[in-house]
Protein backbone atom coordinates (compact mmCIF):
# COMPACT_ATOMS: atom_id res chain seq x y z
CA UNK A 1 -25.53 -15.59 17.08
CA UNK A 2 -25.48 -12.28 19.00
CA UNK A 3 -25.39 -9.16 16.86
CA UNK A 4 -22.63 -6.54 17.09
CA UNK A 5 -23.62 -2.89 17.51
CA UNK A 6 -22.31 -0.31 15.02
CA UNK A 7 -24.38 2.80 15.83
CA UNK A 8 -26.99 4.00 18.31
CA UNK A 9 -29.71 6.64 18.67
CA UNK A 10 -32.10 7.35 21.52
CA UNK A 11 -35.28 9.23 22.35
CA UNK A 12 -38.18 9.30 24.80
CA UNK A 13 -41.88 8.59 24.34
CA UNK A 14 -44.22 10.46 26.67
CA UNK A 15 -47.99 10.92 26.99
CA UNK A 16 -49.66 13.85 28.75
CA UNK A 17 -46.20 14.88 29.98
CA UNK A 18 -45.72 11.46 31.61
CA UNK A 19 -42.81 9.16 30.79
CA UNK A 20 -43.86 6.10 28.77
CA UNK A 21 -40.65 4.53 27.48
CA UNK A 22 -37.10 5.10 26.35
CA UNK A 23 -36.53 4.40 22.66
CA UNK A 24 -33.18 2.87 21.75
CA UNK A 25 -32.46 2.28 18.09
CA UNK A 26 -29.35 0.37 17.10
CA UNK A 27 -27.61 -0.30 13.81
CA UNK A 28 -25.84 -3.63 13.60
CA UNK A 29 -22.57 -4.26 11.85
CA UNK A 30 -24.56 -6.03 9.09
CA UNK A 31 -26.43 -2.69 8.56
CA UNK A 32 -29.79 -4.00 9.80
CA UNK A 33 -31.58 -1.95 12.47
CA UNK A 34 -33.67 -2.62 15.58
CA UNK A 35 -35.91 -0.32 17.60
CA UNK A 36 -36.43 -1.15 21.29
CA UNK A 37 -38.86 0.60 23.65
CA UNK A 38 -37.95 0.24 27.32
CA UNK A 39 -40.62 1.03 29.91
CA UNK A 40 -39.40 2.01 33.38
CA UNK A 41 -38.77 -1.49 34.88
CA UNK A 42 -36.87 -2.70 31.82
CA UNK A 43 -34.99 0.61 31.60
CA UNK A 44 -33.85 0.13 35.18
CA UNK A 45 -32.66 -3.41 34.37
CA UNK A 46 -30.70 -2.20 31.35
CA UNK A 47 -29.03 0.57 33.36
CA UNK A 48 -28.29 -1.95 36.12
CA UNK A 49 -26.34 -4.04 33.62
CA UNK A 50 -24.45 -1.16 32.04
CA UNK A 51 -23.63 0.75 35.24
CA UNK A 52 -22.42 -2.35 37.08
CA UNK A 53 -20.19 -3.17 34.12
CA UNK A 54 -18.84 0.39 34.00
CA UNK A 55 -18.05 0.24 37.73
CA UNK A 56 -15.96 -2.89 37.19
CA UNK A 57 -13.47 -1.20 34.85
CA UNK A 58 -10.05 -0.89 36.45
CA UNK A 59 -8.76 1.29 33.61
CA UNK A 60 -10.61 3.90 31.49
CA UNK A 61 -11.94 2.39 28.27
CA UNK A 62 -11.19 3.88 24.88
CA UNK A 63 -14.55 5.30 23.86
CA UNK A 64 -16.22 4.28 20.60
CA UNK A 65 -18.47 7.37 20.69
CA UNK A 66 -17.24 9.03 17.45
CA UNK A 67 -17.79 5.85 15.43
CA UNK A 68 -21.16 5.03 17.02
CA UNK A 69 -22.44 8.55 16.43
CA UNK A 70 -21.20 8.48 12.83
CA UNK A 71 -23.28 5.38 12.17
CA UNK A 72 -26.27 6.38 14.33
CA UNK A 73 -29.55 5.28 12.71
CA UNK A 74 -32.24 7.86 12.03
CA UNK A 75 -35.01 8.11 14.64
CA UNK A 76 -38.09 10.29 14.24
CA UNK A 77 -41.49 10.86 15.85
CA UNK A 78 -43.38 9.10 13.07
CA UNK A 79 -41.38 5.92 13.63
CA UNK A 80 -41.98 6.06 17.38
CA UNK A 81 -45.73 6.55 16.91
CA UNK A 82 -45.88 3.60 14.52
CA UNK A 83 -43.93 1.24 16.83
CA UNK A 84 -45.72 -2.06 17.46
CA UNK A 85 -45.61 -4.66 20.24
CA UNK A 86 -42.56 -6.30 18.68
CA UNK A 87 -40.55 -3.19 19.60
CA UNK A 88 -41.75 -3.07 23.21
CA UNK A 89 -39.37 -4.79 25.61
CA UNK A 90 -40.97 -7.25 28.02
CA UNK A 91 -37.78 -8.44 29.73
CA UNK A 92 -34.02 -8.47 29.44
CA UNK A 93 -31.24 -10.65 30.77
CA UNK A 94 -27.49 -10.34 30.51
CA UNK A 95 -24.27 -12.31 30.78
CA UNK A 96 -21.05 -10.45 31.53
CA UNK A 97 -17.83 -11.79 30.03
CA UNK A 98 -14.21 -10.68 29.77
CA UNK A 99 -14.78 -8.15 26.98
CA UNK A 100 -18.31 -6.90 27.50
CA UNK A 101 -21.95 -7.80 27.95
CA UNK A 102 -24.15 -10.19 26.02
CA UNK A 103 -27.68 -8.84 26.26
CA UNK A 104 -30.85 -10.76 25.46
CA UNK A 105 -33.96 -8.67 24.81
CA UNK A 106 -37.40 -10.28 24.79
CA UNK A 107 -40.26 -8.35 23.20
CA UNK A 108 -43.93 -8.45 24.18
CA UNK A 109 -44.48 -10.73 21.22
CA UNK A 110 -41.90 -13.14 22.70
CA UNK A 111 -39.32 -12.40 19.99
CA UNK A 112 -35.70 -12.56 21.21
CA UNK A 113 -32.76 -10.48 20.08
CA UNK A 114 -29.21 -11.00 21.33
CA UNK A 115 -26.74 -8.13 21.27
CA UNK A 116 -23.08 -7.83 22.21
CA UNK A 117 -22.12 -4.60 23.96
CA UNK A 118 -18.35 -4.22 23.98
CA UNK A 119 -16.69 -2.52 26.93
CA UNK A 120 -15.78 0.54 24.86
CA UNK A 121 -19.48 0.95 23.98
CA UNK A 122 -20.88 0.82 27.52
CA UNK A 123 -20.27 4.46 28.40
CA UNK A 124 -21.58 5.63 25.01
CA UNK A 125 -24.90 3.82 25.48
CA UNK A 126 -25.28 5.08 29.07
CA UNK A 127 -24.64 8.66 27.93
CA UNK A 128 -27.13 8.34 25.06
CA UNK A 129 -29.84 7.13 27.42
CA UNK A 130 -29.15 9.83 30.02
CA UNK A 131 -29.11 12.56 27.37
CA UNK A 132 -32.46 11.46 25.95
CA UNK A 133 -34.13 11.31 29.37
CA UNK A 134 -32.73 14.66 30.52
CA UNK A 135 -33.51 16.30 27.19
CA UNK A 136 -37.16 15.18 27.52
CA UNK A 137 -37.41 16.79 30.96
CA UNK A 138 -37.49 13.63 33.07
CA UNK A 139 -34.46 14.25 35.27
CA UNK A 140 -36.49 13.23 38.35
CA UNK A 141 -37.05 9.76 36.90
CA UNK A 142 -33.37 9.43 36.09
CA UNK A 143 -32.41 10.39 39.66
CA UNK A 144 -34.86 7.85 41.11
CA UNK A 145 -33.67 5.02 38.87
CA UNK A 146 -29.96 5.81 39.18
CA UNK A 147 -30.12 5.79 43.00
CA UNK A 148 -30.84 2.05 42.94
CA UNK A 149 -28.24 0.85 40.45
CA UNK A 150 -25.26 0.07 42.68
CA UNK A 151 -26.87 -2.66 44.76
CA UNK A 152 -29.41 -5.49 44.67
CA UNK A 153 -31.53 -6.15 47.76
CA UNK A 154 -31.76 -9.81 48.80
CA UNK A 155 -33.34 -9.79 52.29
CA UNK A 156 -34.56 -7.27 54.84
CA UNK A 157 -35.50 -7.88 58.45
CA UNK A 158 -36.71 -6.58 61.81
CA UNK A 159 -35.21 -7.87 65.05
CA UNK A 160 -38.05 -8.90 67.38
CA UNK A 161 -38.18 -8.56 71.16
CA UNK A 162 -37.42 -12.26 71.64
CA UNK A 163 -34.20 -11.92 69.63
CA UNK A 164 -35.57 -13.67 66.55
CA UNK A 165 -35.74 -12.08 63.12
CA UNK A 166 -38.77 -11.45 60.95
CA UNK A 167 -37.63 -11.14 57.34
CA UNK A 168 -38.68 -10.84 53.71
CA UNK A 169 -36.90 -12.10 50.58
CA UNK A 170 -36.63 -10.09 47.35
CA UNK A 171 -35.65 -12.91 44.97
CA UNK A 172 -33.99 -10.97 42.12
CA UNK A 173 -33.64 -12.65 38.74
CA UNK A 174 -30.61 -14.99 38.82
CA UNK A 175 -28.88 -13.18 35.94
CA UNK A 176 -28.58 -10.03 38.07
CA UNK A 177 -26.51 -11.59 40.85
CA UNK A 178 -23.23 -11.93 38.89
CA UNK A 179 -23.35 -8.19 38.13
CA UNK A 180 -22.01 -7.59 41.66
CA UNK A 181 -19.29 -9.35 43.63
CA UNK A 182 -19.80 -8.54 47.34
CA UNK A 183 -22.47 -9.67 49.79
CA UNK A 184 -22.95 -6.86 52.29
CA UNK A 185 -24.78 -6.86 55.63
CA UNK A 186 -26.33 -3.62 56.87
CA UNK A 187 -27.88 -3.18 60.35
CA UNK A 188 -29.60 -0.02 61.57
CA UNK A 189 -29.80 0.82 65.26
CA UNK A 190 -32.47 3.45 65.87
CA UNK A 191 -34.65 4.83 68.66
CA UNK A 192 -38.27 3.69 68.65
CA UNK A 193 -41.18 5.91 69.69
CA UNK A 194 -41.12 4.13 73.06
CA UNK A 195 -37.56 5.34 73.65
CA UNK A 196 -36.08 1.85 73.32
CA UNK A 197 -33.54 0.91 70.67
CA UNK A 198 -34.83 -0.89 67.61
CA UNK A 199 -32.85 -2.92 65.08
CA UNK A 200 -33.51 -3.71 61.45
CA UNK A 201 -31.30 -4.53 58.52
CA UNK A 202 -30.74 -5.92 55.07
CA UNK A 203 -28.53 -8.19 52.99
CA UNK A 204 -27.55 -6.69 49.66
CA UNK A 205 -25.16 -7.48 46.84
CA UNK A 206 -22.91 -4.68 45.60
CA UNK A 207 -19.42 -3.88 44.37
CA UNK A 208 -18.77 -1.45 47.24
CA UNK A 209 -16.53 -2.47 50.15
CA UNK A 210 -18.04 -2.43 53.65
CA UNK A 211 -15.49 0.05 55.03
CA UNK A 212 -15.71 2.54 52.16
CA UNK A 213 -17.28 5.97 52.22
CA UNK A 214 -19.71 4.98 49.46
CA UNK A 215 -21.33 2.30 51.60
CA UNK A 216 -22.95 4.92 53.86
CA UNK A 217 -24.75 6.38 50.86
CA UNK A 218 -25.93 2.94 49.77
CA UNK A 219 -27.17 2.21 53.31
CA UNK A 220 -29.29 5.37 53.21
CA UNK A 221 -30.77 4.44 49.84
CA UNK A 222 -31.50 0.86 50.94
CA UNK A 223 -33.79 2.40 53.59
CA UNK A 224 -35.94 3.97 50.87
CA UNK A 225 -35.97 0.81 48.74
CA UNK A 226 -36.81 -1.73 51.44
CA UNK A 227 -40.42 -2.26 52.50
CA UNK A 228 -39.35 -2.87 56.09
CA UNK A 229 -36.80 -0.11 56.37
CA UNK A 230 -38.87 2.79 55.06
CA UNK A 231 -40.22 3.35 58.57
CA UNK A 232 -36.78 4.57 59.73
CA UNK A 233 -35.98 6.75 56.71
CA UNK A 234 -35.16 10.19 58.07
CA UNK A 235 -34.68 8.99 61.65
CA UNK A 236 -31.31 9.28 63.39
CA UNK A 237 -29.67 5.87 63.44
CA UNK A 238 -26.31 4.19 63.71
CA UNK A 239 -25.35 2.01 60.76
CA UNK A 240 -23.28 -1.16 61.03
CA UNK A 241 -21.87 -2.77 57.88
CA UNK A 242 -20.00 -6.00 57.34
CA UNK A 243 -19.16 -8.19 54.38
CA UNK A 244 -19.97 -11.88 54.26
CA UNK A 245 -16.65 -13.65 53.86
CA UNK A 246 -16.91 -15.95 50.84
CA UNK A 247 -16.24 -19.65 51.35
CA UNK A 248 -15.62 -20.46 47.72
CA UNK A 249 -19.28 -20.24 46.68
CA UNK A 250 -22.18 -17.83 47.04
CA UNK A 251 -23.68 -17.83 50.54
CA UNK A 252 -27.00 -19.58 51.01
CA UNK A 253 -30.10 -17.85 52.29
CA UNK A 254 -29.52 -19.32 55.75
CA UNK A 255 -25.89 -18.20 55.79
CA UNK A 256 -26.95 -14.67 54.84
CA UNK A 257 -29.59 -14.51 57.58
CA UNK A 258 -27.30 -16.04 60.20
CA UNK A 259 -24.60 -13.50 59.37
CA UNK A 260 -27.14 -10.68 59.57
CA UNK A 261 -28.28 -11.92 62.98
CA UNK A 262 -24.68 -11.96 64.25
CA UNK A 263 -24.24 -8.35 63.14
CA UNK A 264 -27.45 -7.48 65.01
CA UNK A 265 -26.00 -9.03 68.17
CA UNK A 266 -22.89 -6.90 67.72
CA UNK A 267 -25.11 -3.83 67.35
CA UNK A 268 -26.97 -4.76 70.53
CA UNK A 269 -23.69 -4.70 72.44
CA UNK A 270 -22.77 -1.29 71.05
CA UNK A 271 -22.85 1.23 73.93
CA UNK A 272 -24.13 4.19 71.89
CA UNK A 273 -27.87 4.87 72.26
CA UNK A 274 -28.34 5.53 68.53
């Protein structure tokens, strides 16, 4: 049965001034305690879960911060130095429900712990993690990780001279897909070194609407994330965005790529040079 969280504490482990892991210690409602050490990939996954949940709130949540701080477990350097492989997180997964998140944490020794994070605890845990990372002097890491939390990349592509697409798939873990509710197409029209227009693009999943102001920021950050799109980062380009209209179920790979190709055709017909 998943454990309920009563209190939380956080810290950072570093070596030679390099980030190693975020330490998160929780006290359960049964007064037992767990220490978890999140290296950068697992830290990003945890923030992905919490931030996407926070973005879904239609109304501000009543914070449980005073109570969680009152019952925060002690955390000191000696404990962090003595941490074993059972505390080091190998992977996480999450299921979002009506009142919060059920988180499963798998250690490097294959031990599993299930935790319930209620909606009024989400912001508290995010703030505790951000405070620990900033306090340890790793603001640059936080900025890098946080810039990739509001979308998941599914496919990226280049439009070839013959009109066909060359693409790559990212294949995120299935548990991540329900964190977001919109499939978004992004096409970039840019000028190649030859002077001709080039076209590339991506399919992502996000909570941001295609016509919103926020989508332009996401489109810029997708450039830096995507292997194919990094070549146009910093170049002037025109960005086209469209949402895949749901048909009652999640679109298939072929439906995503076909929709992306149609948006490329629309970009081709656009009269602007770039």
